[in-house]
C-alpha atoms as a PDB file:
ATOM      1  CA  UNK A   1      11.137  -8.206 -29.772  1.00  0.00           C
ATOM      2  CA  UNK A   2       9.072 -11.851 -29.590  1.00  0.00           C
ATOM      3  CA  UNK A   3       7.528 -13.057 -26.481  1.00  0.00           C
ATOM      4  CA  UNK A   4       9.055 -16.234 -26.033  1.00  0.00           C
ATOM      5  CA  UNK A   5       5.990 -17.611 -23.741  1.00  0.00           C
ATOM      6  CA  UNK A   6       4.677 -20.750 -25.909  1.00  0.00           C
ATOM      7  CA  UNK A   7       0.986 -20.274 -26.922  1.00  0.00           C
ATOM      8  CA  UNK A   8      -0.552 -24.147 -25.575  1.00  0.00           C
ATOM      9  CA  UNK A   9      -3.815 -25.104 -27.682  1.00  0.00           C
ATOM     10  CA  UNK A  10      -4.724 -29.067 -26.947  1.00  0.00           C
ATOM     11  CA  UNK A  11      -4.024 -31.363 -24.461  1.00  0.00           C
ATOM     12  CA  UNK A  12      -1.531 -33.019 -23.647  1.00  0.00           C
ATOM     13  CA  UNK A  13      -0.347 -36.726 -24.158  1.00  0.00           C
ATOM     14  CA  UNK A  14      -1.276 -37.847 -20.427  1.00  0.00           C
ATOM     15  CA  UNK A  15      -4.340 -35.904 -20.245  1.00  0.00           C
ATOM     16  CA  UNK A  16      -5.930 -37.785 -23.446  1.00  0.00           C
ATOM     17  CA  UNK A  17      -4.740 -41.056 -21.999  1.00  0.00           C
ATOM     18  CA  UNK A  18      -6.594 -40.230 -18.404  1.00  0.00           C
ATOM     19  CA  UNK A  19      -9.692 -39.170 -19.854  1.00  0.00           C
ATOM     20  CA  UNK A  20      -9.356 -41.976 -21.920  1.00  0.00           C
ATOM     21  CA  UNK A  21      -8.925 -44.399 -18.985  1.00  0.00           C
ATOM     22  CA  UNK A  22     -11.996 -42.387 -16.738  1.00  0.00           C
ATOM     23  CA  UNK A  23     -14.129 -42.999 -20.057  1.00  0.00           C
ATOM     24  CA  UNK A  24     -13.092 -46.484 -20.431  1.00  0.00           C
ATOM     25  CA  UNK A  25     -13.237 -48.102 -17.035  1.00  0.00           C
ATOM     26  CA  UNK A  26     -17.157 -45.891 -16.715  1.00  0.00           C
ATOM     27  CA  UNK A  27     -18.354 -48.068 -20.283  1.00  0.00           C
ATOM     28  CA  UNK A  28     -17.029 -51.193 -18.375  1.00  0.00           C
ATOM     29  CA  UNK A  29     -19.286 -50.709 -15.783  1.00  0.00           C
ATOM     30  CA  UNK A  30     -22.462 -50.081 -17.784  1.00  0.00           C
ATOM     31  CA  UNK A  31     -21.631 -52.294 -19.920  1.00  0.00           C
ATOM     32  CA  UNK A  32     -21.120 -55.051 -16.615  1.00  0.00           C
ATOM     33  CA  UNK A  33     -24.831 -53.775 -15.230  1.00  0.00           C
ATOM     34  CA  UNK A  34     -26.187 -54.832 -18.843  1.00  0.00           C
ATOM     35  CA  UNK A  35     -26.805 -58.809 -18.566  1.00  0.00           C
ATOM     36  CA  UNK A  36     -28.376 -57.943 -15.060  1.00  0.00           C
ATOM     37  CA  UNK A  37     -30.966 -55.864 -16.249  1.00  0.00           C
ATOM     38  CA  UNK A  38     -31.835 -57.702 -18.851  1.00  0.00           C
ATOM     39  CA  UNK A  39     -32.203 -61.139 -16.615  1.00  0.00           C
ATOM     40  CA  UNK A  40     -34.101 -58.845 -14.578  1.00  0.00           C
ATOM     41  CA  UNK A  41     -36.715 -57.375 -17.651  1.00  0.00           C
ATOM     42  CA  UNK A  42     -36.941 -61.418 -18.251  1.00  0.00           C
ATOM     43  CA  UNK A  43     -37.624 -62.140 -14.782  1.00  0.00           C
ATOM     44  CA  UNK A  44     -40.575 -60.099 -14.631  1.00  0.00           C
ATOM     45  CA  UNK A  45     -42.036 -60.831 -18.055  1.00  0.00           C
ATOM     46  CA  UNK A  46     -42.124 -64.239 -16.554  1.00  0.00           C
ATOM     47  CA  UNK A  47     -43.755 -63.375 -13.677  1.00  0.00           C
ATOM     48  CA  UNK A  48     -46.244 -61.501 -14.859  1.00  0.00           C
ATOM     49  CA  UNK A  49     -47.177 -64.154 -17.384  1.00  0.00           C
ATOM     50  CA  UNK A  50     -47.316 -66.550 -14.860  1.00  0.00           C
ATOM     51  CA  UNK A  51     -49.394 -64.470 -13.065  1.00  0.00           C
ATOM     52  CA  UNK A  52     -51.451 -64.100 -16.322  1.00  0.00           C
ATOM     53  CA  UNK A  53     -51.630 -67.788 -16.945  1.00  0.00           C
ATOM     54  CA  UNK A  54     -53.311 -68.488 -13.296  1.00  0.00           C
ATOM     55  CA  UNK A  55     -55.473 -65.156 -13.644  1.00  0.00           C
ATOM     56  CA  UNK A  56     -56.809 -66.754 -16.669  1.00  0.00           C
ATOM     57  CA  UNK A  57     -57.108 -70.231 -14.892  1.00  0.00           C
ATOM     58  CA  UNK A  58     -58.891 -69.255 -12.351  1.00  0.00           C
ATOM     59  CA  UNK A  59     -61.712 -67.160 -14.247  1.00  0.00           C
ATOM     60  CA  UNK A  60     -62.468 -70.520 -16.099  1.00  0.00           C
ATOM     61  CA  UNK A  61     -62.806 -72.222 -13.355  1.00  0.00           C
ATOM     62  CA  UNK A  62     -64.999 -69.371 -12.048  1.00  0.00           C
ATOM     63  CA  UNK A  63     -66.980 -69.259 -15.291  1.00  0.00           C
ATOM     64  CA  UNK A  64     -68.370 -72.930 -15.744  1.00  0.00           C
ATOM     65  CA  UNK A  65     -70.513 -74.571 -13.128  1.00  0.00           C
ATOM     66  CA  UNK A  66     -68.995 -74.978 -10.021  1.00  0.00           C
ATOM     67  CA  UNK A  67     -70.071 -79.013 -10.426  1.00  0.00           C
ATOM     68  CA  UNK A  68     -68.414 -79.036 -14.172  1.00  0.00           C
ATOM     69  CA  UNK A  69     -65.560 -76.877 -14.683  1.00  0.00           C
ATOM     70  CA  UNK A  70     -63.043 -77.888 -16.800  1.00  0.00           C
ATOM     71  CA  UNK A  71     -59.955 -78.939 -14.722  1.00  0.00           C
ATOM     72  CA  UNK A  72     -57.519 -79.640 -17.642  1.00  0.00           C
ATOM     73  CA  UNK A  73     -57.092 -78.381 -20.714  1.00  0.00           C
ATOM     74  CA  UNK A  74     -54.288 -80.806 -21.946  1.00  0.00           C
ATOM     75  CA  UNK A  75     -54.614 -83.994 -19.493  1.00  0.00           C
ATOM     76  CA  UNK A  76     -57.060 -86.426 -19.101  1.00  0.00           C
ATOM     77  CA  UNK A  77     -58.917 -85.615 -16.323  1.00  0.00           C
ATOM     78  CA  UNK A  78     -62.758 -85.308 -16.436  1.00  0.00           C
ATOM     79  CA  UNK A  79     -64.689 -82.985 -14.537  1.00  0.00           C
ATOM     80  CA  UNK A  80     -64.999 -83.053 -10.860  1.00  0.00           C
ATOM     81  CA  UNK A  81     -67.310 -81.740  -8.468  1.00  0.00           C
ATOM     82  CA  UNK A  82     -64.987 -79.461  -6.889  1.00  0.00           C
ATOM     83  CA  UNK A  83     -66.605 -79.407  -3.927  1.00  0.00           C
ATOM     84  CA  UNK A  84     -65.210 -83.134  -2.941  1.00  0.00           C
ATOM     85  CA  UNK A  85     -62.531 -82.723  -5.054  1.00  0.00           C
ATOM     86  CA  UNK A  86     -59.708 -82.618  -2.124  1.00  0.00           C
ATOM     87  CA  UNK A  87     -56.238 -83.063  -3.657  1.00  0.00           C
ATOM     88  CA  UNK A  88     -54.606 -81.821  -0.229  1.00  0.00           C
ATOM     89  CA  UNK A  89     -55.911 -84.759   1.253  1.00  0.00           C
ATOM     90  CA  UNK A  90     -55.039 -87.101  -2.026  1.00  0.00           C
ATOM     91  CA  UNK A  91     -52.112 -85.083  -3.530  1.00  0.00           C
ATOM     92  CA  UNK A  92     -52.299 -87.915  -6.788  1.00  0.00           C
ATOM     93  CA  UNK A  93     -55.315 -86.284  -7.717  1.00  0.00           C
ATOM     94  CA  UNK A  94     -53.430 -83.030  -8.079  1.00  0.00           C
ATOM     95  CA  UNK A  95     -54.314 -81.168 -11.586  1.00  0.00           C
ATOM     96  CA  UNK A  96     -51.047 -80.090 -13.965  1.00  0.00           C
ATOM     97  CA  UNK A  97     -51.480 -78.088 -16.835  1.00  0.00           C
ATOM     98  CA  UNK A  98     -48.411 -76.874 -19.348  1.00  0.00           C
ATOM     99  CA  UNK A  99     -47.877 -73.860 -21.132  1.00  0.00           C
ATOM    100  CA  UNK A 100     -45.594 -72.230 -23.436  1.00  0.00           C
ATOM    101  CA  UNK A 101     -43.665 -69.748 -23.019  1.00  0.00           C
ATOM    102  CA  UNK A 102     -46.070 -67.438 -24.568  1.00  0.00           C
ATOM    103  CA  UNK A 103     -48.344 -68.625 -22.038  1.00  0.00           C
ATOM    104  CA  UNK A 104     -50.706 -70.835 -24.658  1.00  0.00           C
ATOM    105  CA  UNK A 105     -51.695 -74.350 -23.479  1.00  0.00           C
ATOM    106  CA  UNK A 106     -49.268 -77.222 -24.552  1.00  0.00           C
ATOM    107  CA  UNK A 107     -48.094 -80.492 -24.059  1.00  0.00           C
ATOM    108  CA  UNK A 108     -45.914 -81.538 -21.211  1.00  0.00           C
ATOM    109  CA  UNK A 109     -42.903 -82.140 -23.979  1.00  0.00           C
ATOM    110  CA  UNK A 110     -43.254 -78.771 -25.069  1.00  0.00           C
ATOM    111  CA  UNK A 111     -44.316 -76.861 -21.922  1.00  0.00           C
ATOM    112  CA  UNK A 112     -42.466 -73.549 -20.224  1.00  0.00           C
ATOM    113  CA  UNK A 113     -44.482 -72.937 -17.518  1.00  0.00           C
ATOM    114  CA  UNK A 114     -46.645 -75.853 -15.175  1.00  0.00           C
ATOM    115  CA  UNK A 115     -49.245 -74.966 -13.539  1.00  0.00           C
ATOM    116  CA  UNK A 116     -49.949 -77.497 -10.337  1.00  0.00           C
ATOM    117  CA  UNK A 117     -53.877 -76.752  -9.497  1.00  0.00           C
ATOM    118  CA  UNK A 118     -55.340 -77.944  -5.687  1.00  0.00           C
ATOM    119  CA  UNK A 119     -58.466 -77.708  -4.735  1.00  0.00           C
ATOM    120  CA  UNK A 120     -58.909 -77.951  -0.836  1.00  0.00           C
ATOM    121  CA  UNK A 121     -63.000 -77.917  -0.032  1.00  0.00           C
ATOM    122  CA  UNK A 122     -63.565 -75.407   3.056  1.00  0.00           C
ATOM    123  CA  UNK A 123     -67.008 -76.086   3.214  1.00  0.00           C
ATOM    124  CA  UNK A 124     -69.919 -77.642   1.161  1.00  0.00           C
ATOM    125  CA  UNK A 125     -70.093 -74.920  -1.216  1.00  0.00           C
ATOM    126  CA  UNK A 126     -66.833 -73.164  -0.670  1.00  0.00           C
ATOM    127  CA  UNK A 127     -63.327 -74.496  -2.144  1.00  0.00           C
ATOM    128  CA  UNK A 128     -59.608 -73.171  -1.928  1.00  0.00           C
ATOM    129  CA  UNK A 129     -58.109 -73.035  -5.120  1.00  0.00           C
ATOM    130  CA  UNK A 130     -54.091 -73.044  -4.595  1.00  0.00           C
ATOM    131  CA  UNK A 131     -51.878 -72.433  -8.465  1.00  0.00           C
ATOM    132  CA  UNK A 132     -48.424 -72.998  -8.025  1.00  0.00           C
ATOM    133  CA  UNK A 133     -46.649 -71.957 -11.436  1.00  0.00           C
ATOM    134  CA  UNK A 134     -43.122 -73.655 -12.084  1.00  0.00           C
ATOM    135  CA  UNK A 135     -40.591 -72.884 -14.769  1.00  0.00           C
ATOM    136  CA  UNK A 136     -38.589 -74.229 -16.588  1.00  0.00           C
ATOM    137  CA  UNK A 137     -41.371 -76.639 -16.528  1.00  0.00           C
ATOM    138  CA  UNK A 138     -38.997 -79.369 -17.936  1.00  0.00           C
ATOM    139  CA  UNK A 139     -36.093 -78.921 -15.396  1.00  0.00           C
ATOM    140  CA  UNK A 140     -35.931 -81.456 -12.322  1.00  0.00           C
ATOM    141  CA  UNK A 141     -35.759 -78.571  -9.610  1.00  0.00           C
ATOM    142  CA  UNK A 142     -37.044 -75.812 -11.523  1.00  0.00           C
ATOM    143  CA  UNK A 143     -35.532 -72.155  -9.785  1.00  0.00           C
ATOM    144  CA  UNK A 144     -38.633 -70.194 -10.236  1.00  0.00           C
ATOM    145  CA  UNK A 145     -41.982 -70.502  -8.192  1.00  0.00           C
ATOM    146  CA  UNK A 146     -44.876 -68.969  -7.732  1.00  0.00           C
ATOM    147  CA  UNK A 147     -48.024 -69.595  -5.615  1.00  0.00           C
ATOM    148  CA  UNK A 148     -51.440 -68.003  -6.071  1.00  0.00           C
ATOM    149  CA  UNK A 149     -54.913 -68.459  -3.421  1.00  0.00           C
ATOM    150  CA  UNK A 150     -58.357 -68.211  -4.248  1.00  0.00           C
ATOM    151  CA  UNK A 151     -61.938 -69.172  -3.127  1.00  0.00           C
ATOM    152  CA  UNK A 152     -64.512 -70.369  -5.416  1.00  0.00           C
ATOM    153  CA  UNK A 153     -68.186 -70.838  -4.092  1.00  0.00           C
ATOM    154  CA  UNK A 154     -71.181 -72.715  -5.459  1.00  0.00           C
ATOM    155  CA  UNK A 155     -73.909 -71.341  -5.856  1.00  0.00           C
ATOM    156  CA  UNK A 156     -76.053 -73.793  -7.831  1.00  0.00           C
ATOM    157  CA  UNK A 157     -76.945 -74.979  -4.384  1.00  0.00           C
END
């Protein structure tokens, strides 16, 4: 006499379809997060590079003699005495530097970053320097902005 119970080994079509539905929902959720992760990585890289550009700018201001610091690589402004170069009182004298997406100095037409330097003398021997970095530089209203502040002291007096 044979046993009438059927030996079932495997999955039914309904079980396979449910498993595929669950896996596909999970994959769609993971793929939906991918653009957000890529955007966050790009923004982090841009913020890091803007901080590096400003740090290099501040270092350049500090390594030169206080009264003859080169303020702009790509513009026609001549070196000024930082003790009297007040761009807060006279915004027309602001210094603009332009950098490409790799952080190298470049003409305005090909710039990705725009660095705006403002100088405000605090005392005869101390100047506050504010660097605002905006990107993309060619945008009418740039969506990214970082502000950095340092003090530069005059030691030649």
